[in-house]
Amino acid sequence: MQTLDVISINIWQILIALINLLILFLLVKKFLWNRVKRIVARRQEEVDKVYVEAEAAKSEAEEHRRVWEEKMSSADEQADTIVKSAAEEAKRKGEKIISAAQEKSAEIVRHAEMEADIERSRVEKEVKAEIVDVSTKLTEKMLGREINAEDHRRMIDDFIADLGEES
């Protein structure tokens, strides 16, 4: 009868590994999670503010158009030729105002989206850098020695890129 000493389960090693994993998770959550949430919330507030301003500009343009149309519809027909020429002129001006307001609101929205993309990229870079720094410090403390920072950063960047592709 032969015993399999090669295949054995050491419950204490498994428990220690799980405790280490739990401690690492709690440390990362304590030091990174709230920072990341605050940064993302602040950026979202800025983006929402830009969208609200763009919507307000669009609403204002619509209100101008509505007011102008109300004035035009309630005008008396005093002199047909004067009214017709004034109405045509007013319509052209109204269309110009609406067109300009729509262009302005579209430009504000494009600008806001562009700023949001730029800001999102910047925040992602900041978050990556913070994750790499904290991970390096945690790993150094856990291993009790200094590791090659460049190799560690490359491993962390690869890991983060893999996470980004999965989601």
N, C-alpha and C. Protein backbone atom coordinates (compact mmCIF):
# COMPACT_ATOMS: atom_id res chain seq x y z
N MET A 1 0.84 -1.17 0.00
CA MET A 1 0.00 0.00 0.00
C MET A 1 0.89 1.25 0.00
N GLN A 2 0.58 2.12 -0.92
CA GLN A 2 1.40 3.33 -1.09
C GLN A 2 0.56 4.55 -0.69
N THR A 3 1.16 5.46 0.06
CA THR A 3 0.43 6.66 0.48
C THR A 3 0.82 7.81 -0.43
N LEU A 4 -0.09 8.72 -0.58
CA LEU A 4 0.16 9.88 -1.44
C LEU A 4 0.53 11.07 -0.58
N ASP A 5 1.79 11.18 -0.22
CA ASP A 5 2.25 12.31 0.57
C ASP A 5 2.35 13.56 -0.29
N VAL A 6 2.40 13.39 -1.60
CA VAL A 6 2.53 14.53 -2.50
C VAL A 6 1.25 15.36 -2.51
N ILE A 7 0.14 14.67 -2.45
CA ILE A 7 -1.15 15.36 -2.49
C ILE A 7 -1.65 15.46 -1.05
N SER A 8 -1.55 16.67 -0.50
CA SER A 8 -2.05 16.86 0.85
C SER A 8 -2.64 18.26 0.95
N ILE A 9 -3.56 18.40 1.82
CA ILE A 9 -4.22 19.68 2.02
C ILE A 9 -3.86 20.15 3.43
N ASN A 10 -3.30 21.36 3.44
CA ASN A 10 -2.94 21.95 4.73
C ASN A 10 -3.93 23.07 5.00
N ILE A 11 -4.84 22.82 5.88
CA ILE A 11 -5.90 23.78 6.20
C ILE A 11 -5.33 25.09 6.72
N TRP A 12 -4.27 25.02 7.53
CA TRP A 12 -3.70 26.24 8.10
C TRP A 12 -3.12 27.14 7.01
N GLN A 13 -2.47 26.56 6.03
CA GLN A 13 -1.93 27.37 4.93
C GLN A 13 -3.06 28.03 4.13
N ILE A 14 -4.12 27.30 3.91
CA ILE A 14 -5.26 27.85 3.18
C ILE A 14 -5.88 29.00 3.99
N LEU A 15 -6.06 28.81 5.28
CA LEU A 15 -6.63 29.86 6.12
C LEU A 15 -5.74 31.10 6.15
N ILE A 16 -4.44 30.90 6.27
CA ILE A 16 -3.51 32.05 6.29
C ILE A 16 -3.57 32.78 4.95
N ALA A 17 -3.62 32.05 3.85
CA ALA A 17 -3.71 32.70 2.53
C ALA A 17 -5.01 33.48 2.41
N LEU A 18 -6.12 32.92 2.87
CA LEU A 18 -7.39 33.63 2.82
C LEU A 18 -7.38 34.88 3.70
N ILE A 19 -6.78 34.77 4.87
CA ILE A 19 -6.68 35.94 5.77
C ILE A 19 -5.82 37.02 5.11
N ASN A 20 -4.70 36.61 4.50
CA ASN A 20 -3.86 37.58 3.80
C ASN A 20 -4.62 38.26 2.66
N LEU A 21 -5.38 37.50 1.93
CA LEU A 21 -6.18 38.06 0.84
C LEU A 21 -7.22 39.03 1.38
N LEU A 22 -7.87 38.68 2.46
CA LEU A 22 -8.86 39.56 3.07
C LEU A 22 -8.22 40.85 3.57
N ILE A 23 -7.06 40.75 4.20
CA ILE A 23 -6.36 41.95 4.68
C ILE A 23 -5.98 42.84 3.51
N LEU A 24 -5.45 42.25 2.45
CA LEU A 24 -5.08 43.04 1.27
C LEU A 24 -6.31 43.72 0.66
N PHE A 25 -7.41 42.99 0.58
CA PHE A 25 -8.65 43.58 0.06
C PHE A 25 -9.10 44.75 0.92
N LEU A 26 -9.10 44.59 2.22
CA LEU A 26 -9.53 45.66 3.11
C LEU A 26 -8.62 46.88 3.02
N LEU A 27 -7.32 46.65 2.90
CA LEU A 27 -6.39 47.79 2.76
C LEU A 27 -6.63 48.55 1.47
N VAL A 28 -6.79 47.82 0.39
CA VAL A 28 -7.05 48.49 -0.90
C VAL A 28 -8.37 49.23 -0.84
N LYS A 29 -9.38 48.61 -0.26
CA LYS A 29 -10.67 49.28 -0.16
C LYS A 29 -10.58 50.53 0.70
N LYS A 30 -9.87 50.45 1.82
CA LYS A 30 -9.77 51.60 2.73
C LYS A 30 -9.02 52.75 2.09
N PHE A 31 -7.93 52.47 1.39
CA PHE A 31 -7.07 53.55 0.89
C PHE A 31 -7.42 54.02 -0.51
N LEU A 32 -8.08 53.23 -1.32
CA LEU A 32 -8.33 53.62 -2.71
C LEU A 32 -9.79 53.85 -3.03
N TRP A 33 -10.66 53.04 -2.53
CA TRP A 33 -12.05 53.04 -2.99
C TRP A 33 -12.71 54.41 -2.80
N ASN A 34 -12.59 55.01 -1.63
CA ASN A 34 -13.24 56.30 -1.39
C ASN A 34 -12.65 57.41 -2.26
N ARG A 35 -11.34 57.37 -2.46
CA ARG A 35 -10.71 58.37 -3.33
C ARG A 35 -11.26 58.29 -4.75
N VAL A 36 -11.30 57.09 -5.24
CA VAL A 36 -11.79 56.89 -6.62
C VAL A 36 -13.25 57.32 -6.72
N LYS A 37 -14.06 56.96 -5.74
CA LYS A 37 -15.47 57.36 -5.76
C LYS A 37 -15.62 58.87 -5.74
N ARG A 38 -14.81 59.55 -4.91
CA ARG A 38 -14.90 61.01 -4.84
C ARG A 38 -14.49 61.66 -6.15
N ILE A 39 -13.43 61.18 -6.75
CA ILE A 39 -12.95 61.75 -8.01
C ILE A 39 -14.01 61.56 -9.09
N VAL A 40 -14.54 60.38 -9.20
CA VAL A 40 -15.56 60.11 -10.22
C VAL A 40 -16.81 60.94 -9.97
N ALA A 41 -17.23 61.07 -8.71
CA ALA A 41 -18.42 61.87 -8.40
C ALA A 41 -18.19 63.34 -8.74
N ARG A 42 -17.01 63.85 -8.43
CA ARG A 42 -16.72 65.24 -8.74
C ARG A 42 -16.72 65.48 -10.25
N ARG A 43 -16.14 64.58 -10.99
CA ARG A 43 -16.12 64.72 -12.45
C ARG A 43 -17.54 64.62 -13.01
N GLN A 44 -18.35 63.73 -12.45
CA GLN A 44 -19.72 63.58 -12.92
C GLN A 44 -20.52 64.85 -12.65
N GLU A 45 -20.28 65.48 -11.49
CA GLU A 45 -20.98 66.74 -11.18
C GLU A 45 -20.61 67.82 -12.18
N GLU A 46 -19.32 67.88 -12.55
CA GLU A 46 -18.89 68.88 -13.52
C GLU A 46 -19.54 68.64 -14.88
N VAL A 47 -19.58 67.39 -15.29
CA VAL A 47 -20.20 67.06 -16.58
C VAL A 47 -21.70 67.36 -16.53
N ASP A 48 -22.35 67.00 -15.43
CA ASP A 48 -23.79 67.28 -15.30
C ASP A 48 -24.05 68.78 -15.35
N LYS A 49 -23.18 69.55 -14.73
CA LYS A 49 -23.34 71.01 -14.72
C LYS A 49 -23.26 71.55 -16.15
N VAL A 50 -22.32 71.06 -16.93
CA VAL A 50 -22.18 71.52 -18.32
C VAL A 50 -23.43 71.15 -19.12
N TYR A 51 -23.95 69.95 -18.91
CA TYR A 51 -25.16 69.54 -19.62
C TYR A 51 -26.35 70.40 -19.21
N VAL A 52 -26.45 70.74 -17.94
CA VAL A 52 -27.55 71.58 -17.47
C VAL A 52 -27.45 72.96 -18.10
N GLU A 53 -26.23 73.51 -18.18
CA GLU A 53 -26.05 74.82 -18.81
C GLU A 53 -26.43 74.77 -20.29
N ALA A 54 -26.07 73.70 -20.96
CA ALA A 54 -26.42 73.57 -22.37
C ALA A 54 -27.94 73.46 -22.54
N GLU A 55 -28.57 72.72 -21.68
CA GLU A 55 -30.03 72.58 -21.74
C GLU A 55 -30.70 73.91 -21.44
N ALA A 56 -30.15 74.67 -20.50
CA ALA A 56 -30.71 75.98 -20.17
C ALA A 56 -30.60 76.93 -21.37
N ALA A 57 -29.46 76.89 -22.05
CA ALA A 57 -29.30 77.74 -23.23
C ALA A 57 -30.29 77.35 -24.32
N LYS A 58 -30.50 76.07 -24.49
CA LYS A 58 -31.45 75.60 -25.49
C LYS A 58 -32.88 76.01 -25.10
N SER A 59 -33.21 75.87 -23.81
CA SER A 59 -34.55 76.26 -23.34
C SER A 59 -34.76 77.76 -23.52
N GLU A 60 -33.74 78.52 -23.24
CA GLU A 60 -33.85 79.97 -23.40
C GLU A 60 -34.10 80.33 -24.87
N ALA A 61 -33.40 79.65 -25.76
CA ALA A 61 -33.61 79.91 -27.18
C ALA A 61 -35.03 79.53 -27.60
N GLU A 62 -35.52 78.41 -27.09
CA GLU A 62 -36.89 77.99 -27.40
C GLU A 62 -37.90 78.99 -26.83
N GLU A 63 -37.62 79.50 -25.64
CA GLU A 63 -38.52 80.49 -25.03
C GLU A 63 -38.54 81.77 -25.87
N HIS A 64 -37.36 82.19 -26.34
CA HIS A 64 -37.31 83.37 -27.21
C HIS A 64 -38.14 83.14 -28.47
N ARG A 65 -38.00 81.96 -29.02
CA ARG A 65 -38.74 81.63 -30.23
C ARG A 65 -40.25 81.61 -29.95
N ARG A 66 -40.64 81.01 -28.84
CA ARG A 66 -42.05 80.93 -28.48
C ARG A 66 -42.64 82.32 -28.24
N VAL A 67 -41.91 83.15 -27.50
CA VAL A 67 -42.38 84.50 -27.23
C VAL A 67 -42.53 85.28 -28.53
N TRP A 68 -41.53 85.11 -29.38
CA TRP A 68 -41.58 85.83 -30.66
C TRP A 68 -42.77 85.37 -31.50
N GLU A 69 -43.04 84.10 -31.54
CA GLU A 69 -44.16 83.59 -32.32
C GLU A 69 -45.49 84.04 -31.73
N GLU A 70 -45.59 84.13 -30.39
CA GLU A 70 -46.81 84.62 -29.77
C GLU A 70 -47.07 86.08 -30.15
N LYS A 71 -46.01 86.87 -30.12
CA LYS A 71 -46.16 88.27 -30.50
C LYS A 71 -46.60 88.40 -31.96
N MET A 72 -46.03 87.56 -32.78
CA MET A 72 -46.37 87.62 -34.20
C MET A 72 -47.82 87.19 -34.45
N SER A 73 -48.30 86.17 -33.71
CA SER A 73 -49.65 85.67 -33.95
C SER A 73 -50.73 86.64 -33.43
N SER A 74 -50.40 87.43 -32.39
CA SER A 74 -51.39 88.33 -31.81
C SER A 74 -51.38 89.73 -32.45
N ALA A 75 -50.53 89.94 -33.42
CA ALA A 75 -50.46 91.27 -34.04
C ALA A 75 -51.68 91.52 -34.93
N ASP A 76 -52.17 92.74 -34.93
CA ASP A 76 -53.30 93.12 -35.79
C ASP A 76 -52.85 93.23 -37.23
N GLU A 77 -53.81 93.03 -38.07
CA GLU A 77 -53.52 93.23 -39.48
C GLU A 77 -53.91 94.66 -39.83
N GLN A 78 -52.98 95.57 -39.66
CA GLN A 78 -53.28 96.97 -39.95
C GLN A 78 -53.06 97.28 -41.42
N ALA A 79 -51.88 97.07 -41.81
CA ALA A 79 -51.61 97.31 -43.22
C ALA A 79 -51.00 96.04 -43.78
N ASP A 80 -51.66 95.46 -44.77
CA ASP A 80 -51.22 94.16 -45.30
C ASP A 80 -49.77 94.19 -45.77
N THR A 81 -49.39 95.17 -46.45
CA THR A 81 -48.02 95.20 -46.97
C THR A 81 -46.99 95.36 -45.86
N ILE A 82 -47.30 96.20 -44.87
CA ILE A 82 -46.35 96.40 -43.76
C ILE A 82 -46.28 95.14 -42.91
N VAL A 83 -47.41 94.55 -42.63
CA VAL A 83 -47.45 93.36 -41.80
C VAL A 83 -46.73 92.21 -42.49
N LYS A 84 -46.98 92.04 -43.79
CA LYS A 84 -46.34 90.94 -44.52
C LYS A 84 -44.83 91.11 -44.53
N SER A 85 -44.35 92.31 -44.81
CA SER A 85 -42.90 92.52 -44.85
C SER A 85 -42.28 92.37 -43.45
N ALA A 86 -43.00 92.87 -42.42
CA ALA A 86 -42.49 92.74 -41.06
C ALA A 86 -42.47 91.28 -40.62
N ALA A 87 -43.51 90.54 -41.01
CA ALA A 87 -43.58 89.13 -40.64
C ALA A 87 -42.45 88.34 -41.29
N GLU A 88 -42.19 88.64 -42.54
CA GLU A 88 -41.10 87.95 -43.22
C GLU A 88 -39.76 88.26 -42.57
N GLU A 89 -39.57 89.53 -42.24
CA GLU A 89 -38.31 89.93 -41.58
C GLU A 89 -38.19 89.27 -40.21
N ALA A 90 -39.29 89.27 -39.46
CA ALA A 90 -39.27 88.66 -38.14
C ALA A 90 -39.00 87.16 -38.23
N LYS A 91 -39.58 86.52 -39.21
CA LYS A 91 -39.36 85.09 -39.38
C LYS A 91 -37.90 84.79 -39.68
N ARG A 92 -37.31 85.61 -40.56
CA ARG A 92 -35.89 85.43 -40.87
C ARG A 92 -35.03 85.62 -39.62
N LYS A 93 -35.34 86.67 -38.85
CA LYS A 93 -34.58 86.90 -37.62
C LYS A 93 -34.78 85.77 -36.62
N GLY A 94 -36.02 85.32 -36.48
CA GLY A 94 -36.30 84.21 -35.57
C GLY A 94 -35.54 82.96 -35.96
N GLU A 95 -35.52 82.67 -37.24
CA GLU A 95 -34.78 81.50 -37.71
C GLU A 95 -33.29 81.66 -37.45
N LYS A 96 -32.80 82.90 -37.66
CA LYS A 96 -31.39 83.14 -37.36
C LYS A 96 -31.11 82.93 -35.88
N ILE A 97 -31.99 83.45 -35.03
CA ILE A 97 -31.81 83.30 -33.59
C ILE A 97 -31.86 81.82 -33.20
N ILE A 98 -32.85 81.13 -33.73
CA ILE A 98 -32.98 79.70 -33.42
C ILE A 98 -31.77 78.94 -33.94
N SER A 99 -31.39 79.25 -35.15
CA SER A 99 -30.23 78.58 -35.74
C SER A 99 -28.97 78.85 -34.91
N ALA A 100 -28.79 80.12 -34.56
CA ALA A 100 -27.61 80.47 -33.76
C ALA A 100 -27.66 79.79 -32.39
N ALA A 101 -28.84 79.77 -31.78
CA ALA A 101 -28.98 79.13 -30.47
C ALA A 101 -28.76 77.62 -30.56
N GLN A 102 -29.27 77.01 -31.60
CA GLN A 102 -29.06 75.58 -31.77
C GLN A 102 -27.59 75.28 -32.01
N GLU A 103 -26.95 76.11 -32.82
CA GLU A 103 -25.52 75.92 -33.06
C GLU A 103 -24.74 76.10 -31.76
N LYS A 104 -25.13 77.13 -31.00
CA LYS A 104 -24.44 77.39 -29.74
C LYS A 104 -24.65 76.23 -28.77
N SER A 105 -25.88 75.75 -28.64
CA SER A 105 -26.14 74.64 -27.72
C SER A 105 -25.44 73.38 -28.19
N ALA A 106 -25.43 73.16 -29.50
CA ALA A 106 -24.72 71.98 -30.02
C ALA A 106 -23.22 72.11 -29.74
N GLU A 107 -22.69 73.29 -29.88
CA GLU A 107 -21.27 73.52 -29.61
C GLU A 107 -20.96 73.32 -28.13
N ILE A 108 -21.88 73.79 -27.27
CA ILE A 108 -21.69 73.61 -25.83
C ILE A 108 -21.71 72.13 -25.49
N VAL A 109 -22.63 71.40 -26.08
CA VAL A 109 -22.71 69.95 -25.82
C VAL A 109 -21.46 69.25 -26.34
N ARG A 110 -21.02 69.61 -27.56
CA ARG A 110 -19.79 68.99 -28.10
C ARG A 110 -18.60 69.31 -27.20
N HIS A 111 -18.53 70.55 -26.77
CA HIS A 111 -17.43 70.97 -25.91
C HIS A 111 -17.48 70.22 -24.57
N ALA A 112 -18.67 70.08 -24.03
CA ALA A 112 -18.84 69.37 -22.76
C ALA A 112 -18.45 67.90 -22.91
N GLU A 113 -18.87 67.29 -24.00
CA GLU A 113 -18.51 65.89 -24.23
C GLU A 113 -17.01 65.74 -24.40
N MET A 114 -16.39 66.68 -25.11
CA MET A 114 -14.95 66.63 -25.31
C MET A 114 -14.24 66.80 -23.97
N GLU A 115 -14.68 67.76 -23.16
CA GLU A 115 -14.08 67.97 -21.86
C GLU A 115 -14.28 66.74 -20.97
N ALA A 116 -15.46 66.15 -21.06
CA ALA A 116 -15.73 64.95 -20.26
C ALA A 116 -14.80 63.81 -20.67
N ASP A 117 -14.59 63.64 -21.97
CA ASP A 117 -13.68 62.59 -22.43
C ASP A 117 -12.26 62.86 -21.97
N ILE A 118 -11.84 64.11 -22.09
CA ILE A 118 -10.48 64.47 -21.66
C ILE A 118 -10.35 64.25 -20.15
N GLU A 119 -11.34 64.69 -19.42
CA GLU A 119 -11.32 64.57 -17.97
C GLU A 119 -11.35 63.10 -17.56
N ARG A 120 -12.18 62.31 -18.25
CA ARG A 120 -12.26 60.88 -17.97
C ARG A 120 -10.90 60.22 -18.20
N SER A 121 -10.23 60.59 -19.31
CA SER A 121 -8.90 60.03 -19.59
C SER A 121 -7.92 60.43 -18.49
N ARG A 122 -7.99 61.70 -18.08
CA ARG A 122 -7.07 62.17 -17.06
C ARG A 122 -7.33 61.45 -15.74
N VAL A 123 -8.60 61.27 -15.40
CA VAL A 123 -8.94 60.60 -14.15
C VAL A 123 -8.49 59.14 -14.20
N GLU A 124 -8.67 58.50 -15.35
CA GLU A 124 -8.22 57.12 -15.48
C GLU A 124 -6.71 57.01 -15.27
N LYS A 125 -5.96 57.97 -15.85
CA LYS A 125 -4.51 57.96 -15.66
C LYS A 125 -4.15 58.19 -14.20
N GLU A 126 -4.87 59.12 -13.55
CA GLU A 126 -4.60 59.39 -12.13
C GLU A 126 -4.90 58.15 -11.29
N VAL A 127 -6.03 57.51 -11.57
CA VAL A 127 -6.42 56.34 -10.81
C VAL A 127 -5.40 55.21 -11.02
N LYS A 128 -4.97 55.02 -12.27
CA LYS A 128 -3.96 54.00 -12.54
C LYS A 128 -2.68 54.30 -11.76
N ALA A 129 -2.26 55.56 -11.78
CA ALA A 129 -1.03 55.92 -11.08
C ALA A 129 -1.19 55.69 -9.58
N GLU A 130 -2.33 56.04 -9.02
CA GLU A 130 -2.55 55.83 -7.59
C GLU A 130 -2.58 54.34 -7.26
N ILE A 131 -3.22 53.55 -8.11
CA ILE A 131 -3.28 52.11 -7.89
C ILE A 131 -1.88 51.51 -7.93
N VAL A 132 -1.08 51.95 -8.91
CA VAL A 132 0.29 51.43 -9.03
C VAL A 132 1.10 51.81 -7.80
N ASP A 133 1.00 53.05 -7.36
CA ASP A 133 1.77 53.49 -6.20
C ASP A 133 1.37 52.73 -4.94
N VAL A 134 0.07 52.64 -4.71
CA VAL A 134 -0.39 51.94 -3.50
C VAL A 134 -0.06 50.46 -3.58
N SER A 135 -0.22 49.87 -4.75
CA SER A 135 0.09 48.45 -4.91
C SER A 135 1.57 48.19 -4.67
N THR A 136 2.41 49.08 -5.17
CA THR A 136 3.86 48.92 -4.98
C THR A 136 4.19 48.99 -3.50
N LYS A 137 3.62 49.97 -2.83
CA LYS A 137 3.90 50.11 -1.39
C LYS A 137 3.39 48.90 -0.61
N LEU A 138 2.19 48.45 -0.94
CA LEU A 138 1.64 47.30 -0.24
C LEU A 138 2.47 46.05 -0.50
N THR A 139 2.87 45.86 -1.73
CA THR A 139 3.66 44.69 -2.09
C THR A 139 5.02 44.72 -1.42
N GLU A 140 5.65 45.91 -1.39
CA GLU A 140 6.95 46.04 -0.71
C GLU A 140 6.81 45.70 0.76
N LYS A 141 5.74 46.18 1.39
CA LYS A 141 5.55 45.90 2.81
C LYS A 141 5.28 44.41 3.03
N MET A 142 4.48 43.84 2.12
CA MET A 142 4.15 42.42 2.29
C MET A 142 5.36 41.54 2.06
N LEU A 143 6.14 41.86 1.09
CA LEU A 143 7.30 41.03 0.78
C LEU A 143 8.49 41.37 1.68
N GLY A 144 8.47 42.53 2.27
CA GLY A 144 9.54 42.91 3.17
C GLY A 144 10.81 43.32 2.45
N ARG A 145 10.71 43.56 1.21
CA ARG A 145 11.88 44.00 0.44
C ARG A 145 11.39 44.87 -0.70
N GLU A 146 12.32 45.56 -1.30
CA GLU A 146 11.96 46.45 -2.39
C GLU A 146 11.99 45.65 -3.69
N ILE A 147 10.99 45.86 -4.53
CA ILE A 147 10.96 45.18 -5.82
C ILE A 147 11.26 46.19 -6.90
N ASN A 148 11.53 45.69 -8.07
CA ASN A 148 11.81 46.57 -9.21
C ASN A 148 10.52 47.31 -9.57
N ALA A 149 10.53 48.64 -9.42
CA ALA A 149 9.33 49.45 -9.61
C ALA A 149 8.82 49.38 -11.05
N GLU A 150 9.73 49.36 -11.99
CA GLU A 150 9.32 49.34 -13.40
C GLU A 150 8.61 48.03 -13.74
N ASP A 151 9.17 46.90 -13.28
CA ASP A 151 8.51 45.61 -13.53
C ASP A 151 7.15 45.56 -12.85
N HIS A 152 7.09 46.08 -11.63
CA HIS A 152 5.82 46.08 -10.90
C HIS A 152 4.80 46.96 -11.60
N ARG A 153 5.19 48.14 -12.05
CA ARG A 153 4.27 49.04 -12.76
C ARG A 153 3.76 48.36 -14.04
N ARG A 154 4.66 47.70 -14.75
CA ARG A 154 4.26 47.02 -15.98
C ARG A 154 3.24 45.93 -15.67
N MET A 155 3.46 45.16 -14.60
CA MET A 155 2.53 44.11 -14.23
C MET A 155 1.18 44.71 -13.84
N ILE A 156 1.20 45.77 -13.06
CA ILE A 156 -0.05 46.42 -12.64
C ILE A 156 -0.79 46.98 -13.85
N ASP A 157 -0.05 47.66 -14.77
CA ASP A 157 -0.69 48.21 -15.97
C ASP A 157 -1.32 47.11 -16.81
N ASP A 158 -0.60 45.97 -16.95
CA ASP A 158 -1.17 44.85 -17.69
C ASP A 158 -2.43 44.33 -17.02
N PHE A 159 -2.38 44.22 -15.70
CA PHE A 159 -3.55 43.76 -14.94
C PHE A 159 -4.72 44.70 -15.12
N ILE A 160 -4.48 46.01 -15.02
CA ILE A 160 -5.56 47.01 -15.18
C ILE A 160 -6.09 46.98 -16.59
N ALA A 161 -5.22 46.82 -17.58
CA ALA A 161 -5.68 46.74 -18.96
C ALA A 161 -6.57 45.51 -19.16
N ASP A 162 -6.16 44.38 -18.55
CA ASP A 162 -7.00 43.18 -18.63
C ASP A 162 -8.36 43.40 -17.99
N LEU A 163 -8.37 44.09 -16.86
CA LEU A 163 -9.66 44.40 -16.20
C LEU A 163 -10.53 45.28 -17.09
N GLY A 164 -9.91 46.28 -17.75
CA GLY A 164 -10.64 47.18 -18.63
C GLY A 164 -11.23 46.42 -19.81
N GLU A 165 -10.50 45.45 -20.34
CA GLU A 165 -11.00 44.68 -21.49
C GLU A 165 -12.14 43.78 -21.08
N GLU A 166 -12.09 43.24 -19.85
CA GLU A 166 -13.16 42.35 -19.39
C GLU A 166 -14.47 43.11 -19.22
N SER A 167 -14.38 44.34 -18.70
CA SER A 167 -15.61 45.09 -18.50
C SER A 167 -15.94 45.89 -19.72
